[in-house]
Amino acid sequence: MGRRSVAEVELMTTAQVLEFLQIGRTKLWSLVRSGAISAYRIGDGPNGSLRYRREEIVNWLEEQRVSNPELSSRAH
């Protein structure tokens, strides 16, 4: 599988990631700080906007899949 060019990478805003994952801002920031999810700063300084690669978010989500049938049945 070849690498995608930068022009083909779909970026998401923080608001889009929060909605997509259905989590709060604090949880997202915790995931970024721990290195579980990567964020990319757009703009100068610490106040630049953060962006996230959709593909990385989806890959991370797939890694969180619960495969134990007992755990899965408790969630319903």
N, C-alpha and C. Protein backbone atom coordinates (compact mmCIF):
# COMPACT_ATOMS: atom_id res chain seq x y z
N MET A 1 0.85 -1.17 0.00
CA MET A 1 0.00 0.00 0.00
C MET A 1 0.89 1.24 0.00
N GLY A 2 0.74 2.12 -0.96
CA GLY A 2 1.58 3.30 -1.08
C GLY A 2 1.18 4.40 -0.13
N ARG A 3 2.11 5.27 0.12
CA ARG A 3 1.84 6.43 0.98
C ARG A 3 0.99 7.43 0.24
N ARG A 4 0.08 8.05 0.96
CA ARG A 4 -0.75 9.10 0.36
C ARG A 4 0.01 10.41 0.39
N SER A 5 -0.20 11.23 -0.62
CA SER A 5 0.44 12.54 -0.63
C SER A 5 -0.24 13.44 0.39
N VAL A 6 0.46 14.47 0.80
CA VAL A 6 -0.09 15.41 1.77
C VAL A 6 -1.40 16.01 1.26
N ALA A 7 -1.51 16.21 -0.02
CA ALA A 7 -2.72 16.79 -0.59
C ALA A 7 -3.93 15.87 -0.42
N GLU A 8 -3.70 14.58 -0.24
CA GLU A 8 -4.79 13.61 -0.10
C GLU A 8 -5.20 13.37 1.35
N VAL A 9 -4.48 13.94 2.29
CA VAL A 9 -4.76 13.72 3.71
C VAL A 9 -5.93 14.59 4.13
N GLU A 10 -6.94 13.94 4.73
CA GLU A 10 -8.11 14.67 5.23
C GLU A 10 -7.86 15.08 6.67
N LEU A 11 -7.91 16.38 6.93
CA LEU A 11 -7.72 16.89 8.28
C LEU A 11 -9.05 17.18 8.94
N MET A 12 -9.07 17.01 10.25
CA MET A 12 -10.27 17.28 11.04
C MET A 12 -9.93 18.34 12.09
N THR A 13 -10.89 19.17 12.41
CA THR A 13 -10.72 20.13 13.49
C THR A 13 -10.98 19.43 14.82
N THR A 14 -10.65 20.10 15.90
CA THR A 14 -10.93 19.55 17.22
C THR A 14 -12.41 19.27 17.38
N ALA A 15 -13.26 20.21 16.96
CA ALA A 15 -14.71 20.03 17.08
C ALA A 15 -15.18 18.80 16.31
N GLN A 16 -14.63 18.59 15.14
CA GLN A 16 -15.02 17.42 14.33
C GLN A 16 -14.61 16.13 15.01
N VAL A 17 -13.41 16.09 15.60
CA VAL A 17 -12.95 14.88 16.29
C VAL A 17 -13.81 14.61 17.52
N LEU A 18 -14.13 15.67 18.27
CA LEU A 18 -14.97 15.51 19.46
C LEU A 18 -16.32 14.91 19.08
N GLU A 19 -16.89 15.41 18.00
CA GLU A 19 -18.19 14.90 17.55
C GLU A 19 -18.06 13.47 17.02
N PHE A 20 -17.02 13.22 16.23
CA PHE A 20 -16.82 11.90 15.64
C PHE A 20 -16.64 10.83 16.71
N LEU A 21 -15.81 11.12 17.72
CA LEU A 21 -15.53 10.14 18.78
C LEU A 21 -16.54 10.20 19.92
N GLN A 22 -17.35 11.25 19.94
CA GLN A 22 -18.34 11.46 20.99
C GLN A 22 -17.69 11.47 22.37
N ILE A 23 -16.63 12.30 22.48
CA ILE A 23 -15.91 12.47 23.73
C ILE A 23 -15.79 13.96 24.01
N GLY A 24 -15.35 14.29 25.21
CA GLY A 24 -15.16 15.68 25.60
C GLY A 24 -13.76 16.17 25.28
N ARG A 25 -13.60 17.48 25.37
CA ARG A 25 -12.32 18.13 25.08
C ARG A 25 -11.21 17.63 26.02
N THR A 26 -11.53 17.43 27.30
CA THR A 26 -10.54 16.97 28.26
C THR A 26 -10.03 15.58 27.89
N LYS A 27 -10.92 14.69 27.50
CA LYS A 27 -10.53 13.33 27.11
C LYS A 27 -9.65 13.37 25.86
N LEU A 28 -10.03 14.20 24.89
CA LEU A 28 -9.22 14.31 23.67
C LEU A 28 -7.83 14.82 24.01
N TRP A 29 -7.74 15.84 24.83
CA TRP A 29 -6.43 16.39 25.17
C TRP A 29 -5.59 15.35 25.91
N SER A 30 -6.22 14.55 26.75
CA SER A 30 -5.52 13.47 27.45
C SER A 30 -4.95 12.46 26.46
N LEU A 31 -5.73 12.12 25.44
CA LEU A 31 -5.26 11.18 24.41
C LEU A 31 -4.10 11.77 23.62
N VAL A 32 -4.16 13.06 23.35
CA VAL A 32 -3.07 13.72 22.61
C VAL A 32 -1.81 13.76 23.47
N ARG A 33 -1.95 14.16 24.73
CA ARG A 33 -0.78 14.25 25.63
C ARG A 33 -0.12 12.90 25.83
N SER A 34 -0.92 11.83 25.87
CA SER A 34 -0.36 10.49 26.08
C SER A 34 0.28 9.92 24.81
N GLY A 35 0.03 10.56 23.68
CA GLY A 35 0.58 10.08 22.41
C GLY A 35 -0.31 9.07 21.70
N ALA A 36 -1.48 8.80 22.27
CA ALA A 36 -2.40 7.85 21.64
C ALA A 36 -2.93 8.40 20.33
N ILE A 37 -3.17 9.69 20.29
CA ILE A 37 -3.66 10.38 19.09
C ILE A 37 -2.71 11.53 18.80
N SER A 38 -2.35 11.71 17.55
CA SER A 38 -1.46 12.79 17.15
C SER A 38 -2.27 14.02 16.75
N ALA A 39 -1.75 15.18 17.12
CA ALA A 39 -2.35 16.45 16.72
C ALA A 39 -1.28 17.26 15.99
N TYR A 40 -1.71 18.11 15.09
CA TYR A 40 -0.80 18.93 14.29
C TYR A 40 -1.20 20.38 14.46
N ARG A 41 -0.24 21.22 14.86
CA ARG A 41 -0.51 22.63 15.09
C ARG A 41 -0.44 23.40 13.77
N ILE A 42 -1.49 24.14 13.50
CA ILE A 42 -1.55 25.00 12.32
C ILE A 42 -1.45 26.44 12.81
N GLY A 43 -0.41 27.12 12.43
CA GLY A 43 -0.22 28.50 12.88
C GLY A 43 0.93 28.57 13.87
N ASP A 44 1.27 29.80 14.23
CA ASP A 44 2.41 30.04 15.10
C ASP A 44 2.04 30.00 16.57
N GLY A 45 3.00 29.60 17.37
CA GLY A 45 2.85 29.66 18.81
C GLY A 45 1.89 28.64 19.38
N PRO A 46 1.74 28.68 20.69
CA PRO A 46 0.90 27.70 21.38
C PRO A 46 -0.59 27.89 21.12
N ASN A 47 -0.97 29.02 20.55
CA ASN A 47 -2.39 29.27 20.29
C ASN A 47 -2.82 28.91 18.88
N GLY A 48 -1.93 28.28 18.12
CA GLY A 48 -2.30 27.84 16.78
C GLY A 48 -3.37 26.76 16.85
N SER A 49 -4.17 26.68 15.84
CA SER A 49 -5.24 25.68 15.81
C SER A 49 -4.67 24.28 15.65
N LEU A 50 -5.33 23.32 16.27
CA LEU A 50 -4.91 21.92 16.13
C LEU A 50 -5.73 21.24 15.06
N ARG A 51 -5.09 20.34 14.33
CA ARG A 51 -5.77 19.53 13.34
C ARG A 51 -5.35 18.08 13.57
N TYR A 52 -6.19 17.18 13.10
CA TYR A 52 -5.99 15.75 13.29
C TYR A 52 -6.21 15.06 11.95
N ARG A 53 -5.41 14.05 11.66
CA ARG A 53 -5.59 13.29 10.42
C ARG A 53 -6.71 12.28 10.63
N ARG A 54 -7.71 12.36 9.78
CA ARG A 54 -8.86 11.46 9.91
C ARG A 54 -8.43 10.00 9.92
N GLU A 55 -7.52 9.64 9.04
CA GLU A 55 -7.05 8.27 8.93
C GLU A 55 -6.45 7.79 10.25
N GLU A 56 -5.69 8.66 10.93
CA GLU A 56 -5.09 8.29 12.21
C GLU A 56 -6.15 8.11 13.29
N ILE A 57 -7.17 8.96 13.26
CA ILE A 57 -8.26 8.86 14.24
C ILE A 57 -9.00 7.53 14.04
N VAL A 58 -9.31 7.21 12.80
CA VAL A 58 -10.02 5.96 12.49
C VAL A 58 -9.17 4.76 12.88
N ASN A 59 -7.87 4.80 12.58
CA ASN A 59 -6.97 3.69 12.94
C ASN A 59 -6.92 3.51 14.45
N TRP A 60 -6.82 4.63 15.19
CA TRP A 60 -6.80 4.54 16.65
C TRP A 60 -8.10 3.93 17.16
N LEU A 61 -9.22 4.36 16.60
CA LEU A 61 -10.52 3.84 17.02
C LEU A 61 -10.61 2.34 16.77
N GLU A 62 -10.13 1.88 15.63
CA GLU A 62 -10.13 0.44 15.33
C GLU A 62 -9.30 -0.34 16.35
N GLU A 63 -8.20 0.25 16.81
CA GLU A 63 -7.35 -0.41 17.81
C GLU A 63 -8.05 -0.54 19.16
N GLN A 64 -9.09 0.25 19.38
CA GLN A 64 -9.80 0.24 20.67
C GLN A 64 -10.94 -0.78 20.69
N ARG A 65 -11.12 -1.49 19.60
CA ARG A 65 -12.21 -2.46 19.51
C ARG A 65 -12.13 -3.48 20.64
N VAL A 66 -13.26 -3.73 21.26
CA VAL A 66 -13.35 -4.72 22.33
C VAL A 66 -13.69 -6.05 21.67
N SER A 67 -12.80 -7.02 21.82
CA SER A 67 -13.01 -8.30 21.14
C SER A 67 -13.54 -9.38 22.07
N ASN A 68 -13.58 -9.12 23.36
CA ASN A 68 -14.08 -10.08 24.33
C ASN A 68 -15.61 -10.07 24.28
N PRO A 69 -16.26 -11.17 23.87
CA PRO A 69 -17.72 -11.20 23.74
C PRO A 69 -18.42 -10.86 25.04
N GLU A 70 -17.85 -11.25 26.17
CA GLU A 70 -18.47 -10.95 27.46
C GLU A 70 -18.52 -9.45 27.70
N LEU A 71 -17.43 -8.74 27.39
CA LEU A 71 -17.40 -7.29 27.56
C LEU A 71 -18.35 -6.62 26.59
N SER A 72 -18.39 -7.10 25.35
CA SER A 72 -19.26 -6.51 24.34
C SER A 72 -20.73 -6.63 24.72
N SER A 73 -21.13 -7.76 25.30
CA SER A 73 -22.54 -7.96 25.64
C SER A 73 -22.95 -7.07 26.81
N ARG A 74 -22.03 -6.67 27.68
CA ARG A 74 -22.36 -5.79 28.81
C ARG A 74 -22.67 -4.39 28.35
N ALA A 75 -22.12 -3.99 27.23
CA ALA A 75 -22.32 -2.62 26.75
C ALA A 75 -23.73 -2.39 26.23
N HIS A 76 -24.48 -3.44 25.96
CA HIS A 76 -25.82 -3.29 25.39
C HIS A 76 -26.87 -3.35 26.42
